[in-house]
Amino acid sequence: MTIAIVTDDTCDLPKEYIEKFNLTIIPTKVIFPDKVFSSCGVTGELSLDEYYTRAESELPTTSTPSPGLIHKFLRQLYKKPIL
């Protein structure tokens, strides 16, 4: 039996932990008035430093992963060969 641990990026785990335990991280969206980022932190396209700098002048909103995106990640895991 194979077990996969799946979470979204709000779990805020260190990159070393994600890699060591082969965790699957599904990105959330960070939405600023002028741009939407595919998550922030160690797994996202928006660094935490940039997030905090931007958040000082404009508060973002967030969005959970869509059902379609979750399905995509789960299908990839299902197709992955057993180690």
C-alpha atoms as a PDB file:
ATOM      1  CA  MET A   1       0.000   0.000   0.000  1.00  0.00           C
ATOM      2  CA  THR A   2       1.207   3.513  -0.803  1.00  0.00           C
ATOM      3  CA  ILE A   3       0.319   6.531   1.300  1.00  0.00           C
ATOM      4  CA  ALA A   4       0.546  10.108   0.086  1.00  0.00           C
ATOM      5  CA  ILE A   5       0.274  13.184   2.250  1.00  0.00           C
ATOM      6  CA  VAL A   6      -1.437  16.070   0.470  1.00  0.00           C
ATOM      7  CA  THR A   7      -2.000  19.560   1.821  1.00  0.00           C
ATOM      8  CA  ASP A   8      -2.232  23.080   0.524  1.00  0.00           C
ATOM      9  CA  ASP A   9       0.570  25.577   0.935  1.00  0.00           C
ATOM     10  CA  THR A  10      -0.995  27.244   3.961  1.00  0.00           C
ATOM     11  CA  CYS A  11       0.546  24.424   6.036  1.00  0.00           C
ATOM     12  CA  ASP A  12       3.731  26.561   5.999  1.00  0.00           C
ATOM     13  CA  LEU A  13       6.146  23.642   6.269  1.00  0.00           C
ATOM     14  CA  PRO A  14       9.877  24.093   5.647  1.00  0.00           C
ATOM     15  CA  LYS A  15      11.114  23.073   2.190  1.00  0.00           C
ATOM     16  CA  GLU A  16      13.431  20.462   3.731  1.00  0.00           C
ATOM     17  CA  TYR A  17      10.474  18.762   5.428  1.00  0.00           C
ATOM     18  CA  ILE A  18       8.422  18.782   2.210  1.00  0.00           C
ATOM     19  CA  GLU A  19      11.280  17.178   0.283  1.00  0.00           C
ATOM     20  CA  LYS A  20      12.270  14.707   3.001  1.00  0.00           C
ATOM     21  CA  PHE A  21       8.753  13.276   3.298  1.00  0.00           C
ATOM     22  CA  ASN A  22       7.820  13.709  -0.384  1.00  0.00           C
ATOM     23  CA  LEU A  23       4.729  15.751   0.474  1.00  0.00           C
ATOM     24  CA  THR A  24       2.367  16.982  -2.207  1.00  0.00           C
ATOM     25  CA  ILE A  25       1.600  20.673  -1.791  1.00  0.00           C
ATOM     26  CA  ILE A  26      -1.327  22.162  -3.692  1.00  0.00           C
ATOM     27  CA  PRO A  27      -0.964  25.918  -4.255  1.00  0.00           C
ATOM     28  CA  THR A  28      -3.504  28.461  -3.088  1.00  0.00           C
ATOM     29  CA  LYS A  29      -3.934  31.862  -4.716  1.00  0.00           C
ATOM     30  CA  VAL A  30      -2.773  35.126  -3.158  1.00  0.00           C
ATOM     31  CA  ILE A  31      -4.714  37.933  -4.781  1.00  0.00           C
ATOM     32  CA  PHE A  32      -3.457  41.513  -4.788  1.00  0.00           C
ATOM     33  CA  PRO A  33      -5.371  44.235  -6.650  1.00  0.00           C
ATOM     34  CA  ASP A  34      -2.871  44.226  -9.540  1.00  0.00           C
ATOM     35  CA  LYS A  35      -1.771  40.577  -9.671  1.00  0.00           C
ATOM     36  CA  VAL A  36      -2.722  37.043  -8.684  1.00  0.00           C
ATOM     37  CA  PHE A  37       0.085  34.805  -7.432  1.00  0.00           C
ATOM     38  CA  SER A  38       0.074  31.032  -7.269  1.00  0.00           C
ATOM     39  CA  SER A  39       0.762  30.837  -3.535  1.00  0.00           C
ATOM     40  CA  CYS A  40       3.602  32.240  -1.471  1.00  0.00           C
ATOM     41  CA  GLY A  41       6.370  30.874   0.682  1.00  0.00           C
ATOM     42  CA  VAL A  42       8.694  27.993  -0.108  1.00  0.00           C
ATOM     43  CA  THR A  43       6.471  26.421  -2.781  1.00  0.00           C
ATOM     44  CA  GLY A  44       5.016  29.519  -4.400  1.00  0.00           C
ATOM     45  CA  GLU A  45       5.903  32.171  -6.921  1.00  0.00           C
ATOM     46  CA  LEU A  46       5.626  34.956  -4.322  1.00  0.00           C
ATOM     47  CA  SER A  47       8.386  35.069  -1.702  1.00  0.00           C
ATOM     48  CA  LEU A  48       7.426  35.762   1.889  1.00  0.00           C
ATOM     49  CA  ASP A  49       9.582  38.908   1.848  1.00  0.00           C
ATOM     50  CA  GLU A  50       7.732  40.237  -1.201  1.00  0.00           C
ATOM     51  CA  TYR A  51       4.400  39.274   0.352  1.00  0.00           C
ATOM     52  CA  TYR A  52       5.083  41.233   3.547  1.00  0.00           C
ATOM     53  CA  THR A  53       6.413  44.229   1.612  1.00  0.00           C
ATOM     54  CA  ARG A  54       3.318  44.348  -0.589  1.00  0.00           C
ATOM     55  CA  ALA A  55       0.941  43.664   2.302  1.00  0.00           C
ATOM     56  CA  GLU A  56       2.128  46.823   4.078  1.00  0.00           C
ATOM     57  CA  SER A  57       0.400  48.951   1.438  1.00  0.00           C
ATOM     58  CA  GLU A  58      -2.329  46.680   0.060  1.00  0.00           C
ATOM     59  CA  LEU A  59      -4.046  43.790   1.791  1.00  0.00           C
ATOM     60  CA  PRO A  60      -4.397  40.668  -0.312  1.00  0.00           C
ATOM     61  CA  THR A  61      -7.146  38.110  -0.312  1.00  0.00           C
ATOM     62  CA  THR A  62      -6.656  34.393  -0.757  1.00  0.00           C
ATOM     63  CA  SER A  63      -8.469  31.596  -2.483  1.00  0.00           C
ATOM     64  CA  THR A  64      -8.470  27.892  -1.764  1.00  0.00           C
ATOM     65  CA  PRO A  65      -7.395  25.511  -4.509  1.00  0.00           C
ATOM     66  CA  SER A  66     -10.192  24.835  -6.973  1.00  0.00           C
ATOM     67  CA  PRO A  67     -11.738  21.351  -7.112  1.00  0.00           C
ATOM     68  CA  GLY A  68     -10.249  20.997 -10.605  1.00  0.00           C
ATOM     69  CA  LEU A  69      -6.740  21.763  -9.372  1.00  0.00           C
ATOM     70  CA  ILE A  70      -7.105  19.319  -6.464  1.00  0.00           C
ATOM     71  CA  HIS A  71      -8.333  16.677  -8.908  1.00  0.00           C
ATOM     72  CA  LYS A  72      -5.310  17.308 -11.157  1.00  0.00           C
ATOM     73  CA  PHE A  73      -2.871  16.775  -8.268  1.00  0.00           C
ATOM     74  CA  LEU A  74      -4.678  13.657  -7.047  1.00  0.00           C
ATOM     75  CA  ARG A  75      -4.713  12.158 -10.569  1.00  0.00           C
ATOM     76  CA  GLN A  76      -0.952  12.745 -10.814  1.00  0.00           C
ATOM     77  CA  LEU A  77      -0.456  10.923  -7.521  1.00  0.00           C
ATOM     78  CA  TYR A  78      -2.691   8.070  -8.642  1.00  0.00           C
ATOM     79  CA  LYS A  79      -0.631   7.615 -11.817  1.00  0.00           C
ATOM     80  CA  LYS A  80       2.704   7.803  -9.965  1.00  0.00           C
ATOM     81  CA  PRO A  81       4.597   4.494  -9.789  1.00  0.00           C
ATOM     82  CA  ILE A  82       4.782   2.848  -6.383  1.00  0.00           C
ATOM     83  CA  LEU A  83       8.219   3.296  -4.806  1.00  0.00           C
END
